[in-house]
Each structure stands twice: as structure tokens, then as C-alpha cells.
Amino acid sequence: MAFAWTLALETGHPMIDAQHKELIKAVNDLLAACIQGNAADKVNSTVDFLLSYTKKHFGEEEQLQQQTNYPDIAHHKVLHAEFVKYVADLSAKLKEQGPSPILINNIIRGVGEWLVNHIQKEDVKVAAHAKKTSGG
């Protein structure tokens, strides 16, 4: 089942929300490729995208946290580092084992569920703090 972008995932910060949409889209595009029988063709590019884009997104999000003196920045950075390691581990398994249905499912579910959980529990706090400190 695809991960729907809903108001529950909106943080209210334009940059954060736009980047989250790109990450969710990548997961959903891989799921669509699975349904069409093209997962093996799509999985490598998806994992490569997730590796590079999460680093970009996390870097920009952490920069926002620094600029606004977000009080929980150290914890948030740890969560980001753990996720980057998770995606890197998936990438390594993909290179070693190839695109098995189980691994592709782990990529879709693991990445998608982590993103949704992280957005709803952590990133909403970052966006609210940024809004409060910017006076907007």
C-alpha cells in the first residue's frame, strides 16, 4: 500500500514539506514499479536516490535547527545518522544479494514507515520551533 501524503504529514515548513514529499514519492515510485513488475529495474536507482537525498535533506534540516537554536538538535542528528546507516545497510545488502522481493519489501516498508513516523513525531517539532523563532 502506498504512503499517502496527507495533512498529518504536513509540518508547515515549506522546505521540509517539499523534501519530505520527494522522499515519500521515491518510496511510492518503487512500490508502483513492484506492482508493474519492474522493481528490479527501479530498486537500485531508488536506493541511490534515498542515500543521496536523505543526506541533503538532513543537512538542510539540521542547518535550520542550528539557525533556530532547536533545543533537541543533538537527538535529532542521532536519529538522522541512524537512518542514513539503515539505508546504507540496505544498499549494501542490495549490492551483495540482488533485488529479492523480501529486500525490496524491507526497503519500501522500512523507509516509508520510518519517514512517516519521524515526520509525525520529530519533524513537526522542528517546524513548529522554526516558526516560533522566526516570528511567523
Protein backbone atom coordinates (compact mmCIF):
# COMPACT_ATOMS: atom_id res chain seq x y z
CA MET A 1 0.00 0.00 0.00
CA ALA A 2 1.34 3.41 -0.98
CA PHE A 3 2.18 6.08 1.55
CA ALA A 4 -0.34 8.86 1.05
CA TRP A 5 0.73 12.45 1.57
CA THR A 6 -1.87 13.81 3.97
CA LEU A 7 -2.24 16.78 6.27
CA ALA A 8 -0.94 14.52 9.04
CA LEU A 9 2.48 14.67 7.32
CA GLU A 10 2.49 18.44 6.83
CA THR A 11 4.92 20.19 9.14
CA GLY A 12 4.01 23.65 7.92
CA HIS A 13 7.58 24.42 6.84
CA PRO A 14 7.75 24.72 3.02
CA MET A 15 11.30 23.39 2.57
CA ILE A 16 10.83 20.45 4.93
CA ASP A 17 7.47 19.50 3.43
CA ALA A 18 8.73 19.72 -0.17
CA GLN A 19 11.69 17.49 0.62
CA HIS A 20 9.54 15.02 2.54
CA LYS A 21 7.24 14.77 -0.48
CA GLU A 22 10.24 13.83 -2.65
CA LEU A 23 11.26 11.08 -0.22
CA ILE A 24 7.73 9.67 0.03
CA LYS A 25 7.42 9.85 -3.77
CA ALA A 26 10.59 7.79 -4.19
CA VAL A 27 9.21 5.05 -1.95
CA ASN A 28 5.85 5.12 -3.73
CA ASP A 29 7.53 5.04 -7.15
CA LEU A 30 9.39 1.89 -6.12
CA LEU A 31 6.13 0.36 -4.92
CA ALA A 32 4.50 1.22 -8.26
CA ALA A 33 7.41 -0.41 -10.08
CA CYS A 34 6.84 -3.55 -7.99
CA ILE A 35 3.19 -3.63 -8.98
CA GLN A 36 4.17 -3.25 -12.65
CA GLY A 37 6.82 -5.97 -12.34
CA ASN A 38 9.74 -3.56 -12.78
CA ALA A 39 11.08 -3.49 -9.21
CA ALA A 40 14.45 -4.98 -10.13
CA ASP A 41 14.99 -2.15 -12.62
CA LYS A 42 13.94 0.59 -10.20
CA VAL A 43 15.33 -0.53 -6.84
CA ASN A 44 18.98 0.42 -7.37
CA SER A 45 18.19 3.94 -8.54
CA THR A 46 15.69 4.36 -5.70
CA VAL A 47 18.19 3.32 -3.03
CA ASP A 48 20.87 5.54 -4.58
CA PHE A 49 18.42 8.45 -4.56
CA LEU A 50 17.43 7.77 -0.95
CA LEU A 51 21.07 7.70 0.13
CA SER A 52 21.95 10.99 -1.53
CA TYR A 53 18.68 12.84 -0.94
CA THR A 54 18.38 11.95 2.75
CA LYS A 55 21.88 13.35 3.31
CA LYS A 56 20.90 16.56 1.50
CA HIS A 57 17.57 16.80 3.32
CA PHE A 58 19.01 16.01 6.74
CA GLY A 59 21.83 18.51 6.20
CA GLU A 60 19.39 21.29 5.34
CA GLU A 61 17.04 20.35 8.15
CA GLU A 62 19.91 20.32 10.66
CA GLN A 63 21.09 23.69 9.35
CA LEU A 64 17.59 25.05 10.06
CA GLN A 65 17.80 23.56 13.55
CA GLN A 66 21.14 25.29 14.16
CA GLN A 67 19.86 28.62 12.84
CA THR A 68 16.84 28.49 15.16
CA ASN A 69 18.69 27.01 18.17
CA TYR A 70 16.46 23.94 18.19
CA PRO A 71 16.83 22.50 21.71
CA ASP A 72 16.76 18.81 20.69
CA ILE A 73 19.22 19.06 17.79
CA ALA A 74 21.69 16.50 19.19
CA HIS A 75 19.00 13.82 19.48
CA HIS A 76 17.60 14.68 16.07
CA LYS A 77 21.05 14.33 14.47
CA VAL A 78 21.40 10.87 16.03
CA LEU A 79 18.07 9.81 14.52
CA HIS A 80 19.20 11.08 11.12
CA ALA A 81 22.54 9.27 11.37
CA GLU A 82 20.79 6.01 12.32
CA PHE A 83 18.51 6.30 9.29
CA VAL A 84 21.39 7.04 6.90
CA LYS A 85 23.13 3.92 8.26
CA TYR A 86 19.92 1.90 7.79
CA VAL A 87 19.64 2.97 4.14
CA ALA A 88 23.37 2.35 3.59
CA ASP A 89 22.96 -1.15 5.05
CA LEU A 90 20.03 -1.79 2.70
CA SER A 91 22.16 -0.58 -0.19
CA ALA A 92 24.99 -2.94 0.79
CA LYS A 93 22.57 -5.88 1.03
CA LEU A 94 21.14 -4.97 -2.37
CA LYS A 95 24.62 -4.99 -3.91
CA GLU A 96 25.50 -8.31 -2.21
CA GLN A 97 22.24 -10.22 -2.64
CA GLY A 98 20.48 -8.54 -5.53
CA PRO A 99 16.89 -7.27 -5.55
CA SER A 100 14.98 -10.03 -3.79
CA PRO A 101 11.27 -9.49 -3.09
CA ILE A 102 11.96 -9.58 0.66
CA LEU A 103 14.67 -6.93 0.43
CA ILE A 104 12.55 -4.70 -1.80
CA ASN A 105 9.67 -5.01 0.65
CA ASN A 106 12.04 -4.11 3.52
CA ILE A 107 13.15 -1.03 1.61
CA ILE A 108 9.59 0.12 0.91
CA ARG A 109 8.15 -0.62 4.34
CA GLY A 110 11.21 0.21 6.40
CA VAL A 111 11.95 3.51 4.71
CA GLY A 112 8.33 4.56 4.30
CA GLU A 113 7.32 3.75 7.85
CA TRP A 114 10.43 5.40 9.30
CA LEU A 115 9.75 8.57 7.31
CA VAL A 116 6.11 8.78 8.35
CA ASN A 117 6.96 8.14 12.00
CA HIS A 118 9.86 10.60 12.00
CA ILE A 119 7.86 13.34 10.32
CA GLN A 120 4.91 12.97 12.68
CA LYS A 121 6.95 12.65 15.89
CA GLU A 122 10.10 14.70 15.30
CA ASP A 123 9.96 16.98 12.29
CA VAL A 124 6.70 18.63 13.31
CA LYS A 125 8.52 19.84 16.44
CA VAL A 126 11.37 21.24 14.35
CA ALA A 127 8.98 23.11 12.07
CA ALA A 128 6.96 24.47 14.99
CA HIS A 129 10.13 25.68 16.68
CA ALA A 130 11.36 27.31 13.46
CA LYS A 131 8.02 29.07 13.02
CA LYS A 132 8.00 30.26 16.63
CA THR A 133 11.56 31.60 16.49
CA SER A 134 11.07 33.34 13.16
CA GLY A 135 8.01 35.13 14.46
CA GLY A 136 5.91 33.79 11.58
